[in-house]
Amino acid sequence: MASVSVVVQGRVQGVGFRAHVAQAALRHGLDGETWNREDGAVEIRLGECDEKVLESFLSDVRQGPGIVRELTWEVSAMDVEPGFRVVATPR
């Protein structure tokens, strides 16, 4: 599977959600980054991954702190650097 962009909506800012995402990504061996969006959502970008790994990762993400009301993802063609980082909200 190609790179993946994930948007998580709900009460996911100010509750340690991005740290949870980073820990889940490391457990699953995923590269990428996550950040808070200005609209209150959290966005995650992942490098290439197997569909089963993605499903397991997303299941872990849904169990994180806060309240996940909606989680959407789409395949994309973006480049992702090795490792996983929590980054500042892009402006």
C-alpha atoms as a PDB file:
ATOM      1  CA  MET A   1       0.000   0.000   0.000  1.00  0.00           C
ATOM      2  CA  ALA A   2       1.175   3.548  -0.727  1.00  0.00           C
ATOM      3  CA  SER A   3       1.423   6.361   1.823  1.00  0.00           C
ATOM      4  CA  VAL A   4      -1.649   7.132   3.906  1.00  0.00           C
ATOM      5  CA  SER A   5      -3.181  10.349   5.232  1.00  0.00           C
ATOM      6  CA  VAL A   6      -5.459   9.997   8.289  1.00  0.00           C
ATOM      7  CA  VAL A   7      -7.736  12.604   9.892  1.00  0.00           C
ATOM      8  CA  VAL A   8      -9.092  11.967  13.388  1.00  0.00           C
ATOM      9  CA  GLN A   9     -11.964  14.128  14.614  1.00  0.00           C
ATOM     10  CA  GLY A  10     -13.463  14.360  18.074  1.00  0.00           C
ATOM     11  CA  ARG A  11     -11.991  15.429  21.415  1.00  0.00           C
ATOM     12  CA  VAL A  12      -8.422  14.631  20.408  1.00  0.00           C
ATOM     13  CA  GLN A  13      -6.470  17.776  21.248  1.00  0.00           C
ATOM     14  CA  GLY A  14      -5.083  18.534  24.691  1.00  0.00           C
ATOM     15  CA  VAL A  15      -5.476  14.930  25.900  1.00  0.00           C
ATOM     16  CA  GLY A  16      -2.147  13.315  24.908  1.00  0.00           C
ATOM     17  CA  PHE A  17      -3.578  11.930  21.679  1.00  0.00           C
ATOM     18  CA  ARG A  18      -0.600  12.740  19.440  1.00  0.00           C
ATOM     19  CA  ALA A  19       1.787  11.032  21.878  1.00  0.00           C
ATOM     20  CA  HIS A  20      -0.519   7.995  21.804  1.00  0.00           C
ATOM     21  CA  VAL A  21      -0.439   8.048  17.981  1.00  0.00           C
ATOM     22  CA  ALA A  22       3.379   8.220  17.994  1.00  0.00           C
ATOM     23  CA  GLN A  23       3.635   5.275  20.404  1.00  0.00           C
ATOM     24  CA  ALA A  24       1.220   3.219  18.277  1.00  0.00           C
ATOM     25  CA  ALA A  25       3.184   4.054  15.126  1.00  0.00           C
ATOM     26  CA  LEU A  26       6.440   2.947  16.741  1.00  0.00           C
ATOM     27  CA  ARG A  27       4.837  -0.306  17.959  1.00  0.00           C
ATOM     28  CA  HIS A  28       3.714  -1.033  14.395  1.00  0.00           C
ATOM     29  CA  GLY A  29       7.019   0.028  12.814  1.00  0.00           C
ATOM     30  CA  LEU A  30       5.469   2.904  10.880  1.00  0.00           C
ATOM     31  CA  ASP A  31       7.165   6.039   9.595  1.00  0.00           C
ATOM     32  CA  GLY A  32       5.400   9.385   9.509  1.00  0.00           C
ATOM     33  CA  GLU A  33       4.233  12.327  11.557  1.00  0.00           C
ATOM     34  CA  THR A  34       1.210  13.703  13.376  1.00  0.00           C
ATOM     35  CA  TRP A  35       0.018  17.189  14.276  1.00  0.00           C
ATOM     36  CA  ASN A  36      -2.977  19.147  15.564  1.00  0.00           C
ATOM     37  CA  ARG A  37      -5.054  20.894  12.939  1.00  0.00           C
ATOM     38  CA  GLU A  38      -6.573  24.308  13.491  1.00  0.00           C
ATOM     39  CA  ASP A  39     -10.074  22.825  13.096  1.00  0.00           C
ATOM     40  CA  GLY A  40      -9.606  20.669  16.240  1.00  0.00           C
ATOM     41  CA  ALA A  41      -8.774  17.432  14.407  1.00  0.00           C
ATOM     42  CA  VAL A  42      -5.484  15.528  14.469  1.00  0.00           C
ATOM     43  CA  GLU A  43      -3.826  14.591  11.187  1.00  0.00           C
ATOM     44  CA  ILE A  44      -1.477  11.654  10.686  1.00  0.00           C
ATOM     45  CA  ARG A  45       0.747  10.942   7.694  1.00  0.00           C
ATOM     46  CA  LEU A  46       2.168   7.461   7.347  1.00  0.00           C
ATOM     47  CA  GLY A  47       4.709   6.013   4.958  1.00  0.00           C
ATOM     48  CA  GLU A  48       4.032   2.865   2.981  1.00  0.00           C
ATOM     49  CA  CYS A  49       2.509   0.088   5.025  1.00  0.00           C
ATOM     50  CA  ASP A  50       0.752  -3.231   4.671  1.00  0.00           C
ATOM     51  CA  GLU A  51      -3.055  -3.063   4.873  1.00  0.00           C
ATOM     52  CA  LYS A  52      -3.171  -5.383   7.918  1.00  0.00           C
ATOM     53  CA  VAL A  53      -0.624  -3.204   9.730  1.00  0.00           C
ATOM     54  CA  LEU A  54      -2.673  -0.108   8.881  1.00  0.00           C
ATOM     55  CA  GLU A  55      -5.874  -1.712  10.189  1.00  0.00           C
ATOM     56  CA  SER A  56      -4.160  -2.701  13.442  1.00  0.00           C
ATOM     57  CA  PHE A  57      -2.625   0.781  13.836  1.00  0.00           C
ATOM     58  CA  LEU A  58      -5.983   2.500  13.241  1.00  0.00           C
ATOM     59  CA  SER A  59      -7.644   0.194  15.769  1.00  0.00           C
ATOM     60  CA  ASP A  60      -5.025   1.227  18.347  1.00  0.00           C
ATOM     61  CA  VAL A  61      -5.490   4.907  17.470  1.00  0.00           C
ATOM     62  CA  ARG A  62      -9.260   4.652  18.040  1.00  0.00           C
ATOM     63  CA  GLN A  63      -8.575   3.407  21.594  1.00  0.00           C
ATOM     64  CA  GLY A  64      -6.465   6.432  22.487  1.00  0.00           C
ATOM     65  CA  PRO A  65      -7.136   9.134  25.046  1.00  0.00           C
ATOM     66  CA  GLY A  66      -9.958  11.539  24.327  1.00  0.00           C
ATOM     67  CA  ILE A  67     -12.957  10.710  22.167  1.00  0.00           C
ATOM     68  CA  VAL A  68     -12.600   9.665  18.526  1.00  0.00           C
ATOM     69  CA  ARG A  69     -15.832  10.600  16.780  1.00  0.00           C
ATOM     70  CA  GLU A  70     -14.666  10.025  13.205  1.00  0.00           C
ATOM     71  CA  LEU A  71     -11.541   8.614  11.598  1.00  0.00           C
ATOM     72  CA  THR A  72     -11.020   8.832   7.845  1.00  0.00           C
ATOM     73  CA  TRP A  73      -8.050   7.832   5.746  1.00  0.00           C
ATOM     74  CA  GLU A  74      -6.969   7.929   2.133  1.00  0.00           C
ATOM     75  CA  VAL A  75      -4.070   6.641   0.119  1.00  0.00           C
ATOM     76  CA  SER A  76      -1.739   9.344  -1.150  1.00  0.00           C
ATOM     77  CA  ALA A  77       1.514   9.701  -3.046  1.00  0.00           C
ATOM     78  CA  MET A  78       3.438  11.793  -0.519  1.00  0.00           C
ATOM     79  CA  ASP A  79       6.983  11.146   0.625  1.00  0.00           C
ATOM     80  CA  VAL A  80       7.493  10.402   4.322  1.00  0.00           C
ATOM     81  CA  GLU A  81      10.844  10.560   6.107  1.00  0.00           C
ATOM     82  CA  PRO A  82      12.023   7.608   8.219  1.00  0.00           C
ATOM     83  CA  GLY A  83      10.969   7.604  11.881  1.00  0.00           C
ATOM     84  CA  PHE A  84       7.849   9.036  13.461  1.00  0.00           C
ATOM     85  CA  ARG A  85       7.483  12.594  14.776  1.00  0.00           C
ATOM     86  CA  VAL A  86       4.958  14.772  16.555  1.00  0.00           C
ATOM     87  CA  VAL A  87       5.170  18.126  14.777  1.00  0.00           C
ATOM     88  CA  ALA A  88       3.749  21.609  15.306  1.00  0.00           C
ATOM     89  CA  THR A  89       0.481  22.668  13.726  1.00  0.00           C
ATOM     90  CA  PRO A  90       1.256  23.895  10.184  1.00  0.00           C
ATOM     91  CA  ARG A  91       0.363  27.535   9.628  1.00  0.00           C
END
